[in-house]
Protein backbone atom coordinates (compact mmCIF):
# COMPACT_ATOMS: atom_id res chain seq x y z
CA UNK A 1 61.22 114.12 108.10
CA UNK A 2 62.53 113.50 111.61
CA UNK A 3 61.45 109.84 111.53
CA UNK A 4 63.15 109.29 108.18
CA UNK A 5 66.28 111.12 109.33
CA UNK A 6 66.57 108.89 112.39
CA UNK A 7 66.10 105.75 110.28
CA UNK A 8 68.88 106.82 107.91
CA UNK A 9 71.26 107.80 110.72
CA UNK A 10 70.76 104.51 112.55
CA UNK A 11 71.58 102.51 109.42
CA UNK A 12 74.67 104.60 108.61
CA UNK A 13 76.04 104.27 112.13
CA UNK A 14 77.60 100.86 111.42
CA UNK A 15 79.69 101.65 108.30
CA UNK A 16 80.74 104.98 109.83
CA UNK A 17 81.97 103.23 112.97
CA UNK A 18 83.82 100.56 110.98
CA UNK A 19 85.75 103.01 108.81
CA UNK A 20 86.58 105.24 111.76
CA UNK A 21 88.07 102.25 113.57
CA UNK A 22 90.07 101.30 110.47
CA UNK A 23 91.43 104.82 110.01
CA UNK A 24 92.89 104.77 113.54
CA UNK A 25 94.49 101.34 113.16
CA UNK A 26 98.25 101.58 113.68
CA UNK A 27 98.51 98.23 111.88
CA UNK A 28 97.02 99.71 108.71
CA UNK A 29 98.95 102.95 109.05
CA UNK A 30 102.29 101.12 109.15
CA UNK A 31 101.44 99.16 106.01
CA UNK A 32 100.34 102.30 104.16
CA UNK A 33 103.48 104.16 105.27
CA UNK A 34 105.73 101.70 103.43
CA UNK A 35 106.94 102.88 100.02
CA UNK A 36 107.96 99.45 98.74
CA UNK A 37 105.40 97.05 97.34
CA UNK A 38 106.25 93.51 98.31
CA UNK A 39 104.28 90.35 98.89
CA UNK A 40 104.47 90.66 102.67
CA UNK A 41 102.75 94.05 102.70
CA UNK A 42 100.09 92.92 100.25
CA UNK A 43 99.42 89.82 102.32
CA UNK A 44 99.29 91.83 105.53
CA UNK A 45 96.82 94.41 104.18
CA UNK A 46 94.58 91.79 102.59
CA UNK A 47 94.58 89.79 105.83
CA UNK A 48 93.61 92.91 107.79
CA UNK A 49 90.79 93.79 105.36
CA UNK A 50 89.57 90.19 105.53
CA UNK A 51 89.38 90.37 109.30
CA UNK A 52 87.29 93.54 109.07
CA UNK A 53 84.93 91.97 106.56
CA UNK A 54 84.47 88.81 108.59
CA UNK A 55 84.05 90.72 111.82
CA UNK A 56 81.54 93.26 110.53
CA UNK A 57 79.72 91.57 107.65
CA UNK A 58 80.32 94.51 105.31
CA UNK A 59 79.93 93.67 101.62
CA UNK A 60 83.17 95.34 100.56
CA UNK A 61 86.24 96.44 102.52
CA UNK A 62 89.14 98.30 100.91
CA UNK A 63 92.17 100.49 101.46
CA UNK A 64 94.18 102.69 99.09
CA UNK A 65 97.88 103.35 99.58
CA UNK A 66 98.73 106.90 98.52
CA UNK A 67 102.46 106.23 98.45
CA UNK A 68 102.15 103.18 96.20
CA UNK A 69 98.95 104.13 94.35
CA UNK A 70 97.43 100.68 94.94
CA UNK A 71 93.79 99.89 95.65
CA UNK A 72 93.49 96.83 97.91
CA UNK A 73 90.36 94.86 98.75
CA UNK A 74 89.86 91.90 101.06
CA UNK A 75 90.45 89.74 97.95
CA UNK A 76 93.82 91.23 97.00
CA UNK A 77 95.15 94.02 94.78
CA UNK A 78 92.24 95.40 92.78
CA UNK A 79 94.05 97.99 90.66
CA UNK A 80 96.54 100.84 90.50
CA UNK A 81 94.87 104.21 91.06
CA UNK A 82 95.28 106.50 88.04
CA UNK A 83 93.05 109.62 88.25
CA UNK A 84 94.69 111.20 85.20
CA UNK A 85 93.78 108.39 82.80
CA UNK A 86 90.92 106.58 84.50
CA UNK A 87 87.72 108.52 85.16
CA UNK A 88 86.68 105.91 87.73
CA UNK A 89 89.58 107.04 89.93
CA UNK A 90 88.81 110.77 89.94
CA UNK A 91 86.95 110.31 93.23
CA UNK A 92 90.25 109.53 94.94
CA UNK A 93 91.95 112.71 93.76
CA UNK A 94 88.90 114.79 94.69
CA UNK A 95 88.72 113.20 98.12
CA UNK A 96 92.41 113.69 98.84
CA UNK A 97 92.61 117.35 97.88
CA UNK A 98 89.29 118.26 99.43
CA UNK A 99 90.99 117.39 102.72
CA UNK A 100 87.94 115.48 103.88
CA UNK A 101 87.83 113.20 106.89
CA UNK A 102 84.91 111.13 105.61
CA UNK A 103 82.85 110.87 102.44
CA UNK A 104 79.68 109.00 101.50
CA UNK A 105 78.36 107.61 98.25
CA UNK A 106 74.76 106.40 98.16
CA UNK A 107 73.85 104.57 94.97
CA UNK A 108 71.85 101.75 93.45
CA UNK A 109 73.24 98.83 91.48
CA UNK A 110 73.08 98.56 87.71
CA UNK A 111 69.70 96.84 87.95
CA UNK A 112 68.38 99.88 89.78
CA UNK A 113 67.09 97.86 92.70
CA UNK A 114 69.72 97.43 95.39
CA UNK A 115 70.59 100.46 97.54
CA UNK A 116 74.14 100.55 98.84
CA UNK A 117 76.26 103.04 100.72
CA UNK A 118 80.03 103.38 100.58
CA UNK A 119 81.92 105.18 103.32
CA UNK A 120 85.42 106.50 102.54
CA UNK A 121 87.64 107.70 105.39
CA UNK A 122 91.07 109.31 105.28
CA UNK A 123 93.98 107.50 106.91
CA UNK A 124 96.66 109.79 108.32
CA UNK A 125 99.91 109.17 110.15
CA UNK A 126 100.30 110.30 113.74
CA UNK A 127 101.99 113.39 112.29
CA UNK A 128 99.00 114.16 110.08
CA UNK A 129 100.47 112.95 106.77
CA UNK A 130 97.86 111.68 104.30
CA UNK A 131 98.52 107.96 103.82
CA UNK A 132 95.48 106.93 101.82
CA UNK A 133 91.85 105.96 102.19
CA UNK A 134 90.03 103.09 103.83
CA UNK A 135 86.40 102.26 103.32
CA UNK A 136 83.51 99.85 103.32
CA UNK A 137 80.35 99.30 101.31
CA UNK A 138 77.19 97.85 102.78
CA UNK A 139 73.92 96.63 101.37
CA UNK A 140 71.22 98.94 102.67
CA UNK A 141 68.36 96.54 102.05
CA UNK A 142 66.95 97.05 105.55
CA UNK A 143 67.02 100.83 105.13
CA UNK A 144 65.46 100.51 101.69
CA UNK A 145 62.59 98.47 103.09
CA UNK A 146 62.15 100.94 105.97
CA UNK A 147 61.99 103.87 103.55
CA UNK A 148 59.39 102.06 101.44
CA UNK A 149 57.25 101.53 104.54
CA UNK A 150 57.52 105.22 105.42
CA UNK A 151 56.62 106.25 101.87
CA UNK A 152 53.47 104.17 102.03
CA UNK A 153 52.57 105.23 105.57
CA UNK A 154 52.91 108.96 104.95
CA UNK A 155 52.16 109.03 101.19
CA UNK A 156 55.47 110.67 100.35
CA UNK A 157 58.49 110.12 98.10
CA UNK A 158 61.87 109.89 99.84
CA UNK A 159 65.27 110.51 98.28
CA UNK A 160 68.79 110.54 99.72
CA UNK A 161 71.20 112.51 97.56
CA UNK A 162 74.22 114.77 97.49
CA UNK A 163 74.10 118.46 96.62
CA UNK A 164 74.90 118.05 92.92
CA UNK A 165 72.15 115.55 92.25
CA UNK A 166 69.71 117.57 94.34
CA UNK A 167 70.27 120.69 92.27
CA UNK A 168 69.62 118.69 89.11
CA UNK A 169 66.48 117.10 90.47
CA UNK A 170 64.93 120.11 92.17
CA UNK A 171 64.31 123.63 90.91
CA UNK A 172 65.05 125.26 94.27
CA UNK A 173 68.64 126.41 94.94
CA UNK A 174 69.41 125.31 98.49
CA UNK A 175 73.21 125.36 98.29
CA UNK A 176 74.69 126.66 101.50
CA UNK A 177 71.30 127.62 102.92
CA UNK A 178 70.57 124.51 104.94
CA UNK A 179 72.46 123.80 108.14
CA UNK A 180 72.48 120.48 109.98
CA UNK A 181 69.15 119.83 111.65
CA UNK A 182 67.32 122.59 109.79
CA UNK A 183 64.74 122.22 107.05
CA UNK A 184 64.01 123.85 103.73
CA UNK A 185 60.33 123.88 102.80
CA UNK A 186 58.86 124.86 99.45
CA UNK A 187 55.22 124.64 98.52
CA UNK A 188 54.45 123.26 95.06
CA UNK A 189 51.16 123.41 93.16
CA UNK A 190 49.81 120.15 94.55
CA UNK A 191 52.59 119.13 96.90
CA UNK A 192 55.57 120.33 98.91
CA UNK A 193 59.31 119.67 99.00
CA UNK A 194 61.03 119.29 102.36
CA UNK A 195 64.83 119.08 102.45
CA UNK A 196 67.02 118.31 105.46
CA UNK A 197 70.81 118.33 105.46
CA UNK A 198 72.41 115.46 107.38
CA UNK A 199 75.82 116.79 108.42
CA UNK A 200 77.14 113.46 109.72
CA UNK A 201 77.13 112.00 106.20
CA UNK A 202 77.09 115.15 104.06
CA UNK A 203 73.89 114.07 102.30
CA UNK A 204 70.47 115.59 101.81
CA UNK A 205 67.21 113.96 102.80
CA UNK A 206 64.46 115.00 100.35
């Protein structure tokens, strides 16, 4: 489990570092502080997101203005955030009111083949006011290949998941019982389940 944990952490280091840098950018903060929505602000945000994408190679780079309710990507305005009427936007409301600094979403594409990770980070003014969210998504192909190699080498199945999915997939209730760096071990009839909580990304390694 330690080897797998280190492989995951090393691959997540890049998107975590990128979003942390973005969240401290005074350039981005000033644009998200503005209440008006004009072409200059849109152009400025898009230009900034483009520079992040080109400089880091991330697959997606975005920012959400809480004051204007606009979701920007490096390609322009993507949409207006509407958690009340659009179920796809509920994540934003949940993130904001959970008062999180950072949040992860590990998923596969619709074809069920490509692993990707999205990192969302809160952007706050120097006074602590919530201004919105910035984030990136990266293709985790290298991590996916590394996990496959480890599965074959140790004859195990590896899963990265959040708590909700874990409780659906496993019969053991581990909620709140696993601290960072500790393990949960349960013997099955012909196998065993080992679970480690990775505090830096809020995910479970199974």
